[in-house]
Amino acid sequence: MQRYLEGDSVAFKVLMDRHARKLYNFLIRSSGRKDLAEDLLQEVFLRVVRRAESFKGQAKFTTWMYTIARNLIIDTARRERHRKTIALDAPAYGDDAQGETRLDRTPDQAPTPDRGAADARFTARLEDALQALPEEQREVFLLREVEGLKFREIAEILNLPANTIKSRMRYALEALRSTLSDYAPENP
């Protein structure tokens, strides 16, 4: 980021290449929508460019970038309050889907068809369980478990004490355990 601030335009491409995939995964898991995650990813990088001068280097670049992403997710969620759940039989990739549903988008990597079906059902249940978590618990869980950020970094992004972050993580894990406790795959 420092190189970009000094006028090296290639440095921005390096930043995008380095962070786009993980950021996109965070956005899609936070929003539950591929089309929205793609739009938000572009908007995050636009804001990074527009606000580059405000990056002071006091926090890590990833912390600053995830803060921008989180704020975009919150703003988008406020605008789309009426949209609380996504049907499992809804098109997987927006309006241009060719008959593929959210359940269909999980690739079958299991050794047998039965195991693949069990995995797909679990994935769908896990996605539903994540979406059912309160927003503040879901975002902490995703930042910690999916993005691999430390509690300290999450606390910086969310501008909250580390103990609050740990508490939200604990509640998220308890809720997920409770929701998924009855899951028993047919072919373990």
N, C-alpha and C. Protein backbone atom coordinates (compact mmCIF):
# COMPACT_ATOMS: atom_id res chain seq x y z
N MET A 1 0.84 -1.19 0.00
CA MET A 1 0.00 0.00 0.00
C MET A 1 0.88 1.25 0.00
N GLN A 2 1.98 1.17 0.71
CA GLN A 2 2.89 2.32 0.76
C GLN A 2 3.43 2.62 -0.63
N ARG A 3 3.77 1.56 -1.38
CA ARG A 3 4.27 1.76 -2.76
C ARG A 3 3.19 2.41 -3.63
N TYR A 4 1.94 2.00 -3.46
CA TYR A 4 0.85 2.59 -4.23
C TYR A 4 0.70 4.08 -3.88
N LEU A 5 0.79 4.38 -2.59
CA LEU A 5 0.68 5.78 -2.16
C LEU A 5 1.81 6.64 -2.72
N GLU A 6 2.94 5.99 -3.00
CA GLU A 6 4.08 6.71 -3.56
C GLU A 6 4.01 6.81 -5.08
N GLY A 7 2.90 6.32 -5.68
CA GLY A 7 2.70 6.48 -7.11
C GLY A 7 2.93 5.24 -7.95
N ASP A 8 3.24 4.12 -7.34
CA ASP A 8 3.47 2.87 -8.08
C ASP A 8 2.12 2.20 -8.35
N SER A 9 1.59 2.41 -9.56
CA SER A 9 0.26 1.87 -9.89
C SER A 9 0.27 0.35 -9.97
N VAL A 10 1.40 -0.27 -10.27
CA VAL A 10 1.49 -1.73 -10.31
C VAL A 10 1.28 -2.32 -8.91
N ALA A 11 1.63 -1.57 -7.90
CA ALA A 11 1.48 -2.05 -6.53
C ALA A 11 0.01 -2.31 -6.20
N PHE A 12 -0.89 -1.53 -6.78
CA PHE A 12 -2.31 -1.77 -6.53
C PHE A 12 -2.75 -3.10 -7.10
N LYS A 13 -2.26 -3.45 -8.28
CA LYS A 13 -2.58 -4.75 -8.87
C LYS A 13 -2.08 -5.87 -7.97
N VAL A 14 -0.91 -5.69 -7.39
CA VAL A 14 -0.36 -6.69 -6.46
C VAL A 14 -1.30 -6.84 -5.25
N LEU A 15 -1.77 -5.72 -4.73
CA LEU A 15 -2.72 -5.77 -3.61
C LEU A 15 -3.99 -6.52 -3.99
N MET A 16 -4.52 -6.22 -5.16
CA MET A 16 -5.74 -6.90 -5.62
C MET A 16 -5.50 -8.39 -5.79
N ASP A 17 -4.41 -8.74 -6.45
CA ASP A 17 -4.10 -10.16 -6.67
C ASP A 17 -3.93 -10.90 -5.35
N ARG A 18 -3.33 -10.24 -4.39
CA ARG A 18 -3.04 -10.87 -3.10
C ARG A 18 -4.29 -11.04 -2.25
N HIS A 19 -5.24 -10.11 -2.32
CA HIS A 19 -6.36 -10.10 -1.38
C HIS A 19 -7.74 -10.38 -1.97
N ALA A 20 -7.89 -10.31 -3.28
CA ALA A 20 -9.23 -10.40 -3.89
C ALA A 20 -9.95 -11.70 -3.58
N ARG A 21 -9.27 -12.82 -3.67
CA ARG A 21 -9.94 -14.12 -3.48
C ARG A 21 -10.47 -14.29 -2.05
N LYS A 22 -9.62 -14.01 -1.06
CA LYS A 22 -10.05 -14.16 0.33
C LYS A 22 -11.15 -13.16 0.66
N LEU A 23 -11.00 -11.94 0.16
CA LEU A 23 -12.01 -10.93 0.42
C LEU A 23 -13.33 -11.32 -0.23
N TYR A 24 -13.27 -11.84 -1.44
CA TYR A 24 -14.48 -12.29 -2.13
C TYR A 24 -15.16 -13.40 -1.34
N ASN A 25 -14.38 -14.36 -0.85
CA ASN A 25 -14.94 -15.46 -0.05
C ASN A 25 -15.62 -14.92 1.21
N PHE A 26 -15.00 -13.95 1.85
CA PHE A 26 -15.61 -13.32 3.02
C PHE A 26 -16.93 -12.65 2.65
N LEU A 27 -16.92 -11.92 1.55
CA LEU A 27 -18.12 -11.20 1.12
C LEU A 27 -19.25 -12.14 0.74
N ILE A 28 -18.93 -13.23 0.05
CA ILE A 28 -19.99 -14.15 -0.36
C ILE A 28 -20.56 -14.88 0.85
N ARG A 29 -19.72 -15.21 1.81
CA ARG A 29 -20.23 -15.89 3.01
C ARG A 29 -21.00 -14.92 3.90
N SER A 30 -20.61 -13.68 3.91
CA SER A 30 -21.32 -12.70 4.72
C SER A 30 -22.67 -12.34 4.12
N SER A 31 -22.70 -12.23 2.81
CA SER A 31 -23.94 -11.81 2.14
C SER A 31 -24.81 -12.98 1.72
N GLY A 32 -24.19 -14.14 1.48
CA GLY A 32 -24.94 -15.30 1.01
C GLY A 32 -25.32 -15.22 -0.46
N ARG A 33 -24.77 -14.24 -1.18
CA ARG A 33 -25.13 -14.04 -2.59
C ARG A 33 -23.89 -13.76 -3.43
N LYS A 34 -23.69 -14.57 -4.45
CA LYS A 34 -22.53 -14.41 -5.32
C LYS A 34 -22.57 -13.08 -6.07
N ASP A 35 -23.73 -12.74 -6.62
CA ASP A 35 -23.82 -11.51 -7.39
C ASP A 35 -23.53 -10.28 -6.54
N LEU A 36 -24.03 -10.28 -5.32
CA LEU A 36 -23.78 -9.17 -4.41
C LEU A 36 -22.32 -9.12 -3.99
N ALA A 37 -21.74 -10.28 -3.73
CA ALA A 37 -20.32 -10.34 -3.33
C ALA A 37 -19.43 -9.78 -4.43
N GLU A 38 -19.75 -10.08 -5.69
CA GLU A 38 -18.95 -9.54 -6.80
C GLU A 38 -19.03 -8.02 -6.84
N ASP A 39 -20.24 -7.49 -6.67
CA ASP A 39 -20.40 -6.03 -6.66
C ASP A 39 -19.67 -5.41 -5.48
N LEU A 40 -19.79 -6.02 -4.31
CA LEU A 40 -19.13 -5.48 -3.12
C LEU A 40 -17.62 -5.53 -3.25
N LEU A 41 -17.09 -6.60 -3.85
CA LEU A 41 -15.65 -6.71 -4.03
C LEU A 41 -15.13 -5.54 -4.87
N GLN A 42 -15.82 -5.24 -5.96
CA GLN A 42 -15.42 -4.10 -6.78
C GLN A 42 -15.50 -2.80 -5.99
N GLU A 43 -16.57 -2.67 -5.22
CA GLU A 43 -16.75 -1.44 -4.44
C GLU A 43 -15.67 -1.29 -3.37
N VAL A 44 -15.26 -2.40 -2.75
CA VAL A 44 -14.19 -2.33 -1.74
C VAL A 44 -12.92 -1.79 -2.37
N PHE A 45 -12.55 -2.34 -3.52
CA PHE A 45 -11.31 -1.86 -4.16
C PHE A 45 -11.44 -0.43 -4.68
N LEU A 46 -12.63 -0.04 -5.10
CA LEU A 46 -12.84 1.37 -5.48
C LEU A 46 -12.63 2.28 -4.28
N ARG A 47 -13.15 1.86 -3.15
CA ARG A 47 -12.99 2.68 -1.94
C ARG A 47 -11.55 2.70 -1.46
N VAL A 48 -10.84 1.60 -1.65
CA VAL A 48 -9.42 1.58 -1.29
C VAL A 48 -8.69 2.64 -2.11
N VAL A 49 -9.00 2.73 -3.40
CA VAL A 49 -8.36 3.73 -4.26
C VAL A 49 -8.78 5.14 -3.83
N ARG A 50 -10.08 5.34 -3.65
CA ARG A 50 -10.57 6.68 -3.29
C ARG A 50 -10.06 7.15 -1.93
N ARG A 51 -9.90 6.22 -1.02
CA ARG A 51 -9.51 6.57 0.35
C ARG A 51 -8.06 6.22 0.66
N ALA A 52 -7.27 6.00 -0.35
CA ALA A 52 -5.88 5.59 -0.15
C ALA A 52 -5.12 6.56 0.76
N GLU A 53 -5.39 7.83 0.59
CA GLU A 53 -4.69 8.83 1.40
C GLU A 53 -5.03 8.73 2.88
N SER A 54 -6.19 8.13 3.20
CA SER A 54 -6.57 8.01 4.62
C SER A 54 -5.89 6.81 5.29
N PHE A 55 -5.24 5.95 4.51
CA PHE A 55 -4.52 4.81 5.09
C PHE A 55 -3.21 5.32 5.68
N LYS A 56 -3.11 5.24 6.98
CA LYS A 56 -1.94 5.78 7.68
C LYS A 56 -0.92 4.72 8.06
N GLY A 57 -1.26 3.46 7.87
CA GLY A 57 -0.32 2.39 8.20
C GLY A 57 -0.28 2.05 9.67
N GLN A 58 -1.19 2.61 10.46
CA GLN A 58 -1.22 2.28 11.89
C GLN A 58 -1.75 0.87 12.10
N ALA A 59 -2.65 0.45 11.25
CA ALA A 59 -3.18 -0.91 11.28
C ALA A 59 -2.68 -1.62 10.02
N LYS A 60 -2.79 -2.94 10.02
CA LYS A 60 -2.42 -3.69 8.83
C LYS A 60 -3.36 -3.33 7.68
N PHE A 61 -2.86 -3.44 6.47
CA PHE A 61 -3.70 -3.15 5.31
C PHE A 61 -4.94 -4.03 5.30
N THR A 62 -4.78 -5.33 5.63
CA THR A 62 -5.93 -6.24 5.62
C THR A 62 -6.98 -5.80 6.62
N THR A 63 -6.57 -5.31 7.77
CA THR A 63 -7.52 -4.82 8.78
C THR A 63 -8.31 -3.65 8.22
N TRP A 64 -7.63 -2.73 7.60
CA TRP A 64 -8.26 -1.55 7.00
C TRP A 64 -9.22 -1.97 5.89
N MET A 65 -8.78 -2.90 5.03
CA MET A 65 -9.59 -3.35 3.90
C MET A 65 -10.84 -4.10 4.39
N TYR A 66 -10.69 -4.99 5.38
CA TYR A 66 -11.84 -5.73 5.90
C TYR A 66 -12.81 -4.79 6.62
N THR A 67 -12.30 -3.72 7.21
CA THR A 67 -13.19 -2.72 7.82
C THR A 67 -14.05 -2.07 6.74
N ILE A 68 -13.46 -1.73 5.62
CA ILE A 68 -14.22 -1.17 4.51
C ILE A 68 -15.26 -2.18 4.04
N ALA A 69 -14.85 -3.44 3.87
CA ALA A 69 -15.77 -4.49 3.41
C ALA A 69 -16.92 -4.68 4.39
N ARG A 70 -16.60 -4.73 5.65
CA ARG A 70 -17.64 -4.91 6.67
C ARG A 70 -18.64 -3.77 6.64
N ASN A 71 -18.16 -2.55 6.54
CA ASN A 71 -19.06 -1.40 6.48
C ASN A 71 -19.97 -1.45 5.25
N LEU A 72 -19.43 -1.90 4.14
CA LEU A 72 -20.25 -2.06 2.93
C LEU A 72 -21.34 -3.11 3.14
N ILE A 73 -20.98 -4.21 3.78
CA ILE A 73 -21.95 -5.28 4.05
C ILE A 73 -23.07 -4.75 4.94
N ILE A 74 -22.70 -4.01 5.97
CA ILE A 74 -23.70 -3.45 6.89
C ILE A 74 -24.61 -2.48 6.15
N ASP A 75 -24.03 -1.60 5.35
CA ASP A 75 -24.84 -0.64 4.59
C ASP A 75 -25.79 -1.36 3.63
N THR A 76 -25.30 -2.39 2.96
CA THR A 76 -26.12 -3.15 2.03
C THR A 76 -27.24 -3.87 2.76
N ALA A 77 -26.92 -4.45 3.91
CA ALA A 77 -27.94 -5.15 4.70
C ALA A 77 -29.03 -4.20 5.16
N ARG A 78 -28.66 -3.00 5.51
CA ARG A 78 -29.66 -2.01 5.92
C ARG A 78 -30.60 -1.68 4.77
N ARG A 79 -30.05 -1.61 3.58
CA ARG A 79 -30.88 -1.30 2.41
C ARG A 79 -31.78 -2.48 2.03
N GLU A 80 -31.35 -3.67 2.35
CA GLU A 80 -32.10 -4.86 1.96
C GLU A 80 -32.72 -5.58 3.17
N ARG A 81 -33.20 -4.83 4.14
CA ARG A 81 -33.76 -5.41 5.36
C ARG A 81 -34.83 -6.47 5.10
N HIS A 82 -35.63 -6.23 4.07
CA HIS A 82 -36.74 -7.14 3.79
C HIS A 82 -36.26 -8.53 3.36
N ARG A 83 -35.03 -8.64 2.91
CA ARG A 83 -34.49 -9.92 2.43
C ARG A 83 -33.77 -10.60 3.59
N LYS A 84 -34.49 -11.50 4.29
CA LYS A 84 -33.92 -12.15 5.47
C LYS A 84 -33.39 -13.54 5.19
N THR A 85 -34.01 -14.26 4.27
CA THR A 85 -33.55 -15.61 3.97
C THR A 85 -33.51 -15.81 2.47
N ILE A 86 -32.76 -16.80 2.09
CA ILE A 86 -32.67 -17.17 0.68
C ILE A 86 -33.16 -18.60 0.57
N ALA A 87 -34.11 -18.80 -0.30
CA ALA A 87 -34.66 -20.15 -0.48
C ALA A 87 -33.60 -21.06 -1.08
N LEU A 88 -33.58 -22.30 -0.62
CA LEU A 88 -32.60 -23.25 -1.13
C LEU A 88 -32.87 -23.60 -2.59
N ASP A 89 -34.09 -23.43 -3.03
CA ASP A 89 -34.38 -23.71 -4.44
C ASP A 89 -34.29 -22.46 -5.31
N ALA A 90 -33.77 -21.38 -4.74
CA ALA A 90 -33.57 -20.15 -5.51
C ALA A 90 -32.40 -20.35 -6.47
N PRO A 91 -32.37 -19.58 -7.57
CA PRO A 91 -31.24 -19.69 -8.49
C PRO A 91 -29.93 -19.45 -7.76
N ALA A 92 -28.93 -20.24 -8.08
CA ALA A 92 -27.65 -20.17 -7.38
C ALA A 92 -26.88 -18.89 -7.68
N TYR A 93 -26.98 -18.37 -8.89
CA TYR A 93 -26.14 -17.24 -9.28
C TYR A 93 -26.96 -16.08 -9.83
N GLY A 94 -28.03 -15.76 -9.17
CA GLY A 94 -28.84 -14.63 -9.60
C GLY A 94 -29.81 -15.02 -10.70
N ASP A 95 -30.27 -14.02 -11.43
CA ASP A 95 -31.29 -14.23 -12.46
C ASP A 95 -30.78 -14.99 -13.68
N ASP A 96 -29.46 -14.98 -13.90
CA ASP A 96 -28.96 -15.61 -15.12
C ASP A 96 -28.65 -17.09 -14.93
N ALA A 97 -29.03 -17.68 -13.80
CA ALA A 97 -28.78 -19.10 -13.56
C ALA A 97 -29.57 -19.94 -14.56
N GLN A 98 -29.00 -21.03 -14.95
CA GLN A 98 -29.64 -21.91 -15.93
C GLN A 98 -30.22 -23.13 -15.22
N GLY A 99 -31.13 -22.87 -14.29
CA GLY A 99 -31.78 -23.96 -13.58
C GLY A 99 -31.02 -24.46 -12.37
N GLU A 100 -29.82 -23.95 -12.12
CA GLU A 100 -29.03 -24.41 -10.99
C GLU A 100 -29.49 -23.72 -9.71
N THR A 101 -29.66 -24.50 -8.64
CA THR A 101 -30.10 -23.95 -7.36
C THR A 101 -28.93 -23.86 -6.40
N ARG A 102 -29.17 -23.23 -5.25
CA ARG A 102 -28.12 -23.12 -4.23
C ARG A 102 -27.64 -24.50 -3.79
N LEU A 103 -28.55 -25.47 -3.73
CA LEU A 103 -28.15 -26.82 -3.36
C LEU A 103 -27.25 -27.47 -4.41
N ASP A 104 -27.43 -27.07 -5.65
CA ASP A 104 -26.65 -27.66 -6.74
C ASP A 104 -25.22 -27.14 -6.84
N ARG A 105 -24.95 -26.00 -6.24
CA ARG A 105 -23.65 -25.36 -6.47
C ARG A 105 -22.50 -25.97 -5.69
N THR A 106 -22.76 -26.86 -4.76
CA THR A 106 -21.70 -27.50 -4.00
C THR A 106 -21.19 -28.70 -4.78
N PRO A 107 -19.92 -28.66 -5.22
CA PRO A 107 -19.41 -29.78 -6.00
C PRO A 107 -19.31 -31.05 -5.18
N ASP A 108 -19.58 -32.16 -5.83
CA ASP A 108 -19.52 -33.47 -5.17
C ASP A 108 -18.11 -34.01 -5.28
N GLN A 109 -17.37 -34.00 -4.17
CA GLN A 109 -16.01 -34.52 -4.15
C GLN A 109 -15.94 -35.79 -3.31
N ALA A 110 -17.08 -36.30 -2.93
CA ALA A 110 -17.12 -37.50 -2.09
C ALA A 110 -16.85 -38.73 -2.94
N PRO A 111 -16.38 -39.80 -2.30
CA PRO A 111 -16.07 -41.01 -3.06
C PRO A 111 -17.31 -41.74 -3.58
N THR A 112 -18.47 -41.57 -2.94
CA THR A 112 -19.67 -42.26 -3.39
C THR A 112 -20.80 -41.25 -3.55
N PRO A 113 -21.80 -41.57 -4.38
CA PRO A 113 -22.93 -40.66 -4.54
C PRO A 113 -23.69 -40.44 -3.23
N ASP A 114 -23.82 -41.47 -2.41
CA ASP A 114 -24.53 -41.32 -1.14
C ASP A 114 -23.80 -40.33 -0.23
N ARG A 115 -22.49 -40.45 -0.17
CA ARG A 115 -21.70 -39.55 0.67
C ARG A 115 -21.79 -38.12 0.13
N GLY A 116 -21.77 -38.00 -1.19
CA GLY A 116 -21.90 -36.68 -1.80
C GLY A 116 -23.22 -36.02 -1.44
N ALA A 117 -24.29 -36.80 -1.44
CA ALA A 117 -25.60 -36.26 -1.07
C ALA A 117 -25.61 -35.83 0.39
N ALA A 118 -25.00 -36.64 1.25
CA ALA A 118 -24.94 -36.30 2.68
C ALA A 118 -24.13 -35.02 2.88
N ASP A 119 -23.00 -34.90 2.15
CA ASP A 119 -22.18 -33.70 2.26
C ASP A 119 -22.93 -32.46 1.78
N ALA A 120 -23.67 -32.61 0.68
CA ALA A 120 -24.43 -31.48 0.15
C ALA A 120 -25.51 -31.05 1.14
N ARG A 121 -26.16 -32.02 1.76
CA ARG A 121 -27.18 -31.68 2.76
C ARG A 121 -26.55 -30.97 3.95
N PHE A 122 -25.39 -31.46 4.39
CA PHE A 122 -24.72 -30.82 5.52
C PHE A 122 -24.28 -29.41 5.15
N THR A 123 -23.73 -29.24 3.95
CA THR A 123 -23.30 -27.91 3.52
C THR A 123 -24.48 -26.95 3.52
N ALA A 124 -25.61 -27.42 3.00
CA ALA A 124 -26.80 -26.57 2.99
C ALA A 124 -27.23 -26.23 4.41
N ARG A 125 -27.19 -27.24 5.30
CA ARG A 125 -27.57 -26.99 6.70
C ARG A 125 -26.60 -26.02 7.36
N LEU A 126 -25.32 -26.18 7.07
CA LEU A 126 -24.31 -25.28 7.65
C LEU A 126 -24.52 -23.86 7.14
N GLU A 127 -24.74 -23.69 5.85
CA GLU A 127 -25.01 -22.36 5.29
C GLU A 127 -26.24 -21.74 5.95
N ASP A 128 -27.29 -22.54 6.11
CA ASP A 128 -28.51 -22.04 6.77
C ASP A 128 -28.22 -21.66 8.22
N ALA A 129 -27.44 -22.51 8.91
CA ALA A 129 -27.11 -22.23 10.31
C ALA A 129 -26.29 -20.94 10.42
N LEU A 130 -25.36 -20.73 9.49
CA LEU A 130 -24.57 -19.49 9.50
C LEU A 130 -25.46 -18.27 9.25
N GLN A 131 -26.39 -18.40 8.29
CA GLN A 131 -27.28 -17.28 7.99
C GLN A 131 -28.24 -16.99 9.14
N ALA A 132 -28.54 -18.02 9.96
CA ALA A 132 -29.46 -17.84 11.09
C ALA A 132 -28.79 -17.15 12.28
N LEU A 133 -27.46 -17.14 12.31
CA LEU A 133 -26.76 -16.47 13.40
C LEU A 133 -27.04 -14.97 13.36
N PRO A 134 -27.08 -14.33 14.52
CA PRO A 134 -27.15 -12.87 14.50
C PRO A 134 -25.95 -12.32 13.73
N GLU A 135 -26.15 -11.23 13.04
CA GLU A 135 -25.13 -10.66 12.17
C GLU A 135 -23.79 -10.48 12.86
N GLU A 136 -23.82 -9.97 14.09
CA GLU A 136 -22.55 -9.71 14.78
C GLU A 136 -21.79 -11.00 15.11
N GLN A 137 -22.51 -12.10 15.37
CA GLN A 137 -21.85 -13.38 15.61
C GLN A 137 -21.33 -13.97 14.30
N ARG A 138 -22.13 -13.88 13.24
CA ARG A 138 -21.74 -14.44 11.95
C ARG A 138 -20.47 -13.77 11.43
N GLU A 139 -20.41 -12.44 11.52
CA GLU A 139 -19.24 -11.77 10.98
C GLU A 139 -17.98 -12.11 11.77
N VAL A 140 -18.08 -12.25 13.09
CA VAL A 140 -16.92 -12.65 13.88
C VAL A 140 -16.50 -14.07 13.50
N PHE A 141 -17.47 -14.98 13.39
CA PHE A 141 -17.17 -16.36 13.01
C PHE A 141 -16.47 -16.42 11.65
N LEU A 142 -17.00 -15.70 10.67
CA LEU A 142 -16.41 -15.73 9.33
C LEU A 142 -15.02 -15.12 9.31
N LEU A 143 -14.84 -13.99 9.99
CA LEU A 143 -13.52 -13.37 10.02
C LEU A 143 -12.49 -14.27 10.71
N ARG A 144 -12.91 -14.98 11.73
CA ARG A 144 -11.99 -15.84 12.47
C ARG A 144 -11.75 -17.18 11.77
N GLU A 145 -12.83 -17.89 11.47
CA GLU A 145 -12.70 -19.25 10.96
C GLU A 145 -12.46 -19.35 9.47
N VAL A 146 -13.02 -18.45 8.71
CA VAL A 146 -12.86 -18.52 7.26
C VAL A 146 -11.67 -17.68 6.80
N GLU A 147 -11.58 -16.46 7.31
CA GLU A 147 -10.51 -15.57 6.88
C GLU A 147 -9.23 -15.76 7.69
N GLY A 148 -9.32 -16.42 8.84
CA GLY A 148 -8.14 -16.71 9.64
C GLY A 148 -7.56 -15.52 10.38
N LEU A 149 -8.37 -14.50 10.62
CA LEU A 149 -7.87 -13.33 11.35
C LEU A 149 -7.80 -13.63 12.84
N LYS A 150 -6.91 -12.96 13.50
CA LYS A 150 -6.76 -13.10 14.95
C LYS A 150 -7.83 -12.27 15.64
N PHE A 151 -8.16 -12.63 16.88
CA PHE A 151 -9.17 -11.90 17.63
C PHE A 151 -8.81 -10.42 17.73
N ARG A 152 -7.53 -10.13 17.91
CA ARG A 152 -7.07 -8.75 18.01
C ARG A 152 -7.37 -7.98 16.72
N GLU A 153 -7.14 -8.62 15.57
CA GLU A 153 -7.41 -7.97 14.29
C GLU A 153 -8.91 -7.76 14.09
N ILE A 154 -9.70 -8.74 14.47
CA ILE A 154 -11.16 -8.61 14.35
C ILE A 154 -11.65 -7.47 15.24
N ALA A 155 -11.09 -7.38 16.44
CA ALA A 155 -11.46 -6.30 17.36
C ALA A 155 -11.16 -4.93 16.73
N GLU A 156 -10.03 -4.83 16.04
CA GLU A 156 -9.70 -3.58 15.36
C GLU A 156 -10.69 -3.27 14.25
N ILE A 157 -11.01 -4.28 13.45
CA ILE A 157 -11.94 -4.09 12.33
C ILE A 157 -13.30 -3.63 12.83
N LEU A 158 -13.78 -4.30 13.89
CA LEU A 158 -15.12 -4.01 14.39
C LEU A 158 -15.14 -2.88 15.41
N ASN A 159 -13.95 -2.42 15.80
CA ASN A 159 -13.83 -1.34 16.77
C ASN A 159 -14.51 -1.70 18.08
N LEU A 160 -14.19 -2.92 18.56
CA LEU A 160 -14.76 -3.44 19.80
C LEU A 160 -13.65 -4.05 20.64
N PRO A 161 -13.88 -4.22 21.95
CA PRO A 161 -12.88 -4.88 22.78
C PRO A 161 -12.72 -6.35 22.37
N ALA A 162 -11.51 -6.87 22.53
CA ALA A 162 -11.22 -8.26 22.16
C ALA A 162 -12.12 -9.24 22.93
N ASN A 163 -12.43 -8.93 24.18
CA ASN A 163 -13.29 -9.83 24.96
C ASN A 163 -14.70 -9.90 24.37
N THR A 164 -15.18 -8.83 23.82
CA THR A 164 -16.49 -8.84 23.16
C THR A 164 -16.44 -9.74 21.93
N ILE A 165 -15.35 -9.67 21.19
CA ILE A 165 -15.17 -10.51 20.00
C ILE A 165 -15.15 -11.98 20.41
N LYS A 166 -14.40 -12.28 21.45
CA LYS A 166 -14.32 -13.68 21.92
C LYS A 166 -15.68 -14.17 22.40
N SER A 167 -16.42 -13.31 23.05
CA SER A 167 -17.75 -13.67 23.53
C SER A 167 -18.68 -13.97 22.35
N ARG A 168 -18.64 -13.13 21.34
CA ARG A 168 -19.48 -13.34 20.15
C ARG A 168 -19.11 -14.64 19.45
N MET A 169 -17.82 -14.94 19.43
CA MET A 169 -17.36 -16.18 18.81
C MET A 169 -17.89 -17.37 19.60
N ARG A 170 -17.82 -17.29 20.91
CA ARG A 170 -18.31 -18.38 21.75
C ARG A 170 -19.80 -18.61 21.52
N TYR A 171 -20.58 -17.53 21.49
CA TYR A 171 -22.02 -17.67 21.25
C TYR A 171 -22.30 -18.24 19.85
N ALA A 172 -21.52 -17.82 18.86
CA ALA A 172 -21.70 -18.35 17.51
C ALA A 172 -21.43 -19.85 17.47
N LEU A 173 -20.34 -20.26 18.12
CA LEU A 173 -20.01 -21.69 18.15
C LEU A 173 -21.07 -22.50 18.88
N GLU A 174 -21.56 -21.97 19.99
CA GLU A 174 -22.62 -22.67 20.73
C GLU A 174 -23.88 -22.81 19.89
N ALA A 175 -24.24 -21.76 19.19
CA ALA A 175 -25.44 -21.80 18.34
C ALA A 175 -25.26 -22.79 17.20
N LEU A 176 -24.09 -22.80 16.58
CA LEU A 176 -23.84 -23.73 15.49
C LEU A 176 -23.85 -25.18 15.99
N ARG A 177 -23.23 -25.41 17.13
CA ARG A 177 -23.25 -26.77 17.70
C ARG A 177 -24.67 -27.22 17.97
N SER A 178 -25.46 -26.34 18.54
CA SER A 178 -26.85 -26.67 18.86
C SER A 178 -27.66 -26.94 17.59
N THR A 179 -27.52 -26.07 16.62
CA THR A 179 -28.28 -26.21 15.38
C THR A 179 -27.89 -27.47 14.61
N LEU A 180 -26.62 -27.81 14.63
CA LEU A 180 -26.13 -28.94 13.83
C LEU A 180 -25.95 -30.22 14.62
N SER A 181 -26.33 -30.21 15.90
CA SER A 181 -26.09 -31.37 16.76
C SER A 181 -26.84 -32.63 16.32
N ASP A 182 -27.99 -32.45 15.70
CA ASP A 182 -28.76 -33.61 15.28
C ASP A 182 -28.34 -34.13 13.91
N TYR A 183 -27.39 -33.47 13.27
CA TYR A 183 -26.96 -33.93 11.96
C TYR A 183 -26.18 -35.24 12.10
N ALA A 184 -26.63 -36.21 11.39
CA ALA A 184 -25.95 -37.50 11.36
C ALA A 184 -25.95 -37.97 9.92
N PRO A 185 -24.79 -37.92 9.25
CA PRO A 185 -24.77 -38.35 7.86
C PRO A 185 -25.17 -39.82 7.74
N GLU A 186 -25.81 -40.12 6.63
CA GLU A 186 -26.27 -41.49 6.42
C GLU A 186 -25.11 -42.47 6.29
N ASN A 187 -24.02 -42.05 5.67
CA ASN A 187 -22.84 -42.89 5.50
C ASN A 187 -21.62 -42.19 6.06
N PRO A 188 -21.40 -42.29 7.36
CA PRO A 188 -20.27 -41.55 7.95
C PRO A 188 -18.94 -42.02 7.42
